[in-house]
N, C-alpha and C. Protein backbone atom coordinates (compact mmCIF):
# COMPACT_ATOMS: atom_id res chain seq x y z
N MET A 1 128.72 100.81 113.07
CA MET A 1 127.84 101.85 113.55
C MET A 1 128.13 102.11 115.02
N ASP A 2 128.04 103.38 115.41
CA ASP A 2 128.19 103.68 116.83
C ASP A 2 126.89 103.34 117.56
N LYS A 3 126.96 103.33 118.88
CA LYS A 3 125.84 102.86 119.69
C LYS A 3 124.58 103.70 119.47
N GLU A 4 124.72 105.00 119.41
CA GLU A 4 123.55 105.88 119.21
C GLU A 4 122.89 105.63 117.87
N THR A 5 123.67 105.48 116.83
CA THR A 5 123.13 105.20 115.50
C THR A 5 122.43 103.85 115.48
N THR A 6 123.02 102.88 116.12
CA THR A 6 122.43 101.54 116.20
C THR A 6 121.08 101.59 116.89
N ILE A 7 121.00 102.29 118.01
CA ILE A 7 119.74 102.41 118.75
C ILE A 7 118.70 103.15 117.91
N ASN A 8 119.10 104.23 117.27
CA ASN A 8 118.17 104.99 116.42
C ASN A 8 117.64 104.13 115.28
N PHE A 9 118.51 103.33 114.69
CA PHE A 9 118.09 102.46 113.59
C PHE A 9 117.11 101.41 114.08
N SER A 10 117.38 100.84 115.24
CA SER A 10 116.47 99.87 115.83
C SER A 10 115.12 100.51 116.13
N GLU A 11 115.12 101.71 116.69
CA GLU A 11 113.87 102.41 116.99
C GLU A 11 113.09 102.72 115.70
N TYR A 12 113.80 103.08 114.64
CA TYR A 12 113.15 103.32 113.36
C TYR A 12 112.45 102.05 112.87
N ARG A 13 113.13 100.92 112.97
CA ARG A 13 112.53 99.66 112.53
C ARG A 13 111.35 99.27 113.41
N LEU A 14 111.45 99.53 114.70
CA LEU A 14 110.34 99.22 115.60
C LEU A 14 109.14 100.10 115.29
N GLN A 15 109.37 101.36 114.98
CA GLN A 15 108.25 102.24 114.60
C GLN A 15 107.61 101.77 113.31
N LYS A 16 108.44 101.31 112.39
CA LYS A 16 107.92 100.75 111.13
C LYS A 16 107.04 99.54 111.42
N ALA A 17 107.44 98.71 112.38
CA ALA A 17 106.64 97.55 112.77
C ALA A 17 105.30 98.00 113.34
N LYS A 18 105.31 98.99 114.21
CA LYS A 18 104.07 99.50 114.82
C LYS A 18 103.14 100.09 113.76
N ASP A 19 103.70 100.87 112.86
CA ASP A 19 102.89 101.47 111.79
C ASP A 19 102.27 100.39 110.90
N THR A 20 103.04 99.37 110.61
CA THR A 20 102.55 98.28 109.76
C THR A 20 101.47 97.49 110.48
N LEU A 21 101.61 97.30 111.78
CA LEU A 21 100.57 96.62 112.55
C LEU A 21 99.28 97.44 112.56
N ASN A 22 99.40 98.75 112.69
CA ASN A 22 98.22 99.62 112.62
C ASN A 22 97.53 99.50 111.26
N THR A 23 98.32 99.43 110.22
CA THR A 23 97.76 99.25 108.88
C THR A 23 97.03 97.91 108.78
N SER A 24 97.63 96.88 109.36
CA SER A 24 96.99 95.56 109.37
C SER A 24 95.63 95.62 110.06
N GLU A 25 95.58 96.28 111.21
CA GLU A 25 94.33 96.39 111.95
C GLU A 25 93.28 97.16 111.16
N PHE A 26 93.71 98.22 110.48
CA PHE A 26 92.79 98.99 109.65
C PHE A 26 92.23 98.13 108.52
N ILE A 27 93.10 97.43 107.84
CA ILE A 27 92.67 96.57 106.72
C ILE A 27 91.67 95.53 107.20
N LEU A 28 91.92 94.97 108.37
CA LEU A 28 91.02 93.95 108.90
C LEU A 28 89.67 94.56 109.28
N LYS A 29 89.69 95.63 110.05
CA LYS A 29 88.45 96.22 110.58
C LYS A 29 87.64 96.93 109.51
N GLU A 30 88.30 97.74 108.72
CA GLU A 30 87.58 98.59 107.77
C GLU A 30 87.29 97.91 106.44
N LEU A 31 88.23 97.11 105.98
CA LEU A 31 88.07 96.49 104.67
C LEU A 31 87.69 95.02 104.75
N GLN A 32 87.82 94.46 105.93
CA GLN A 32 87.56 93.04 106.15
C GLN A 32 88.31 92.17 105.14
N ASP A 33 89.53 92.57 104.89
CA ASP A 33 90.42 91.85 103.96
C ASP A 33 91.39 91.04 104.80
N TYR A 34 91.06 89.78 105.03
CA TYR A 34 91.88 88.93 105.89
C TYR A 34 93.25 88.65 105.29
N THR A 35 93.31 88.46 104.00
CA THR A 35 94.59 88.19 103.35
C THR A 35 95.51 89.41 103.46
N GLY A 36 94.98 90.57 103.16
CA GLY A 36 95.78 91.80 103.25
C GLY A 36 96.22 92.08 104.68
N ALA A 37 95.31 91.88 105.63
CA ALA A 37 95.64 92.11 107.04
C ALA A 37 96.71 91.13 107.50
N ASN A 38 96.59 89.88 107.08
CA ASN A 38 97.59 88.88 107.44
C ASN A 38 98.96 89.22 106.87
N ASN A 39 98.98 89.70 105.64
CA ASN A 39 100.23 90.10 105.00
C ASN A 39 100.90 91.22 105.78
N ARG A 40 100.14 92.23 106.15
CA ARG A 40 100.70 93.36 106.91
C ARG A 40 101.13 92.92 108.31
N ALA A 41 100.38 92.01 108.93
CA ALA A 41 100.75 91.51 110.26
C ALA A 41 102.08 90.75 110.19
N TYR A 42 102.25 89.95 109.14
CA TYR A 42 103.53 89.25 108.95
C TYR A 42 104.67 90.25 108.87
N TYR A 43 104.50 91.29 108.07
CA TYR A 43 105.56 92.28 107.93
C TYR A 43 105.80 93.05 109.22
N ALA A 44 104.76 93.28 110.01
CA ALA A 44 104.94 93.95 111.31
C ALA A 44 105.86 93.10 112.19
N ILE A 45 105.62 91.80 112.22
CA ILE A 45 106.46 90.89 113.00
C ILE A 45 107.89 90.89 112.43
N PHE A 46 107.99 90.82 111.13
CA PHE A 46 109.29 90.80 110.48
C PHE A 46 110.09 92.07 110.81
N TYR A 47 109.45 93.23 110.74
CA TYR A 47 110.14 94.48 111.05
C TYR A 47 110.53 94.55 112.52
N ALA A 48 109.71 94.01 113.41
CA ALA A 48 110.04 93.98 114.84
C ALA A 48 111.27 93.09 115.08
N ILE A 49 111.31 91.96 114.41
CA ILE A 49 112.49 91.09 114.52
C ILE A 49 113.73 91.82 114.01
N LYS A 50 113.60 92.51 112.90
CA LYS A 50 114.74 93.24 112.34
C LYS A 50 115.17 94.38 113.27
N ALA A 51 114.24 94.93 114.05
CA ALA A 51 114.60 95.94 115.05
C ALA A 51 115.50 95.34 116.11
N VAL A 52 115.18 94.13 116.54
CA VAL A 52 116.02 93.44 117.53
C VAL A 52 117.39 93.15 116.93
N LEU A 53 117.41 92.66 115.73
CA LEU A 53 118.69 92.32 115.09
C LEU A 53 119.55 93.56 114.84
N ALA A 54 118.90 94.69 114.64
CA ALA A 54 119.66 95.93 114.42
C ALA A 54 120.52 96.27 115.63
N LEU A 55 120.06 95.88 116.82
CA LEU A 55 120.86 96.14 118.03
C LEU A 55 122.17 95.37 118.03
N GLU A 56 122.22 94.30 117.24
CA GLU A 56 123.44 93.50 117.08
C GLU A 56 124.20 93.87 115.80
N ASN A 57 123.68 94.84 115.08
CA ASN A 57 124.23 95.18 113.76
C ASN A 57 124.20 93.98 112.82
N LYS A 58 123.14 93.19 112.93
CA LYS A 58 122.94 92.03 112.06
C LYS A 58 121.86 92.36 111.04
N ASP A 59 122.08 91.94 109.82
CA ASP A 59 121.08 92.12 108.77
C ASP A 59 121.26 91.03 107.74
N PHE A 60 120.17 90.63 107.14
CA PHE A 60 120.18 89.58 106.14
C PHE A 60 119.32 90.03 104.97
N LYS A 61 119.62 89.53 103.79
CA LYS A 61 118.86 89.89 102.60
C LYS A 61 117.57 89.10 102.48
N ARG A 62 117.58 87.87 102.94
CA ARG A 62 116.42 87.00 102.74
C ARG A 62 115.64 86.83 104.05
N HIS A 63 114.32 86.81 103.91
CA HIS A 63 113.45 86.64 105.07
C HIS A 63 113.79 85.37 105.83
N LYS A 64 114.01 84.30 105.12
CA LYS A 64 114.26 83.03 105.80
C LYS A 64 115.52 83.09 106.64
N ASP A 65 116.51 83.88 106.23
CA ASP A 65 117.74 84.01 107.02
C ASP A 65 117.50 84.83 108.29
N VAL A 66 116.68 85.87 108.18
CA VAL A 66 116.32 86.67 109.35
C VAL A 66 115.61 85.80 110.37
N ILE A 67 114.63 85.05 109.91
CA ILE A 67 113.83 84.21 110.80
C ILE A 67 114.69 83.10 111.41
N ALA A 68 115.52 82.48 110.61
CA ALA A 68 116.38 81.39 111.11
C ALA A 68 117.33 81.90 112.19
N TYR A 69 117.94 83.06 111.95
CA TYR A 69 118.87 83.62 112.94
C TYR A 69 118.13 83.99 114.22
N PHE A 70 116.98 84.63 114.08
CA PHE A 70 116.19 85.01 115.26
C PHE A 70 115.78 83.78 116.06
N ASN A 71 115.32 82.75 115.38
CA ASN A 71 114.94 81.52 116.08
C ASN A 71 116.13 80.91 116.81
N LYS A 72 117.26 80.85 116.14
CA LYS A 72 118.46 80.24 116.74
C LYS A 72 118.97 81.03 117.94
N GLU A 73 119.06 82.34 117.79
CA GLU A 73 119.70 83.17 118.81
C GLU A 73 118.75 83.67 119.90
N TYR A 74 117.47 83.76 119.61
CA TYR A 74 116.55 84.38 120.57
C TYR A 74 115.44 83.45 121.06
N ILE A 75 114.94 82.60 120.19
CA ILE A 75 113.87 81.69 120.60
C ILE A 75 114.45 80.44 121.25
N ASN A 76 115.39 79.81 120.59
CA ASN A 76 115.99 78.58 121.13
C ASN A 76 116.73 78.81 122.44
N THR A 77 117.25 80.03 122.63
CA THR A 77 117.95 80.37 123.87
C THR A 77 117.00 80.93 124.91
N GLU A 78 115.74 81.03 124.55
CA GLU A 78 114.65 81.50 125.41
C GLU A 78 114.81 82.95 125.87
N ILE A 79 115.54 83.75 125.09
CA ILE A 79 115.56 85.20 125.34
C ILE A 79 114.16 85.74 125.11
N PHE A 80 113.52 85.24 124.05
CA PHE A 80 112.11 85.50 123.80
C PHE A 80 111.40 84.16 123.94
N PRO A 81 110.25 84.14 124.64
CA PRO A 81 109.53 82.87 124.78
C PRO A 81 108.94 82.42 123.45
N ARG A 82 108.83 81.13 123.30
CA ARG A 82 108.27 80.56 122.09
C ARG A 82 106.83 81.04 121.85
N LYS A 83 106.11 81.32 122.92
CA LYS A 83 104.74 81.84 122.81
C LYS A 83 104.71 83.07 121.99
C-alpha cells in the first residue's frame, strides 16, 4: 500500500473504534446493559489497536495475534504506556 492509502485505512479503523465506543456508551447509559457495553468497549479498543497496526501494514486474522503483537511492539517498548 502507498502511504496515503495506509493513512486512510488507519483513519478508517480509528473512526470505527470511535463509533464503536459511542455505541458502547449508548448501550451502557440507555440500556444499562453492562455485558453489551463491555463487548462494544472491547471492540473499540481492538479497532484502535488495528488502526495503529495499519500504519505498519500489519494485520492478523486472530484477536490474540493482534494483541500479542501490539503488546510486544508497543507496550513492552513503552511506545504506549502500560496504563
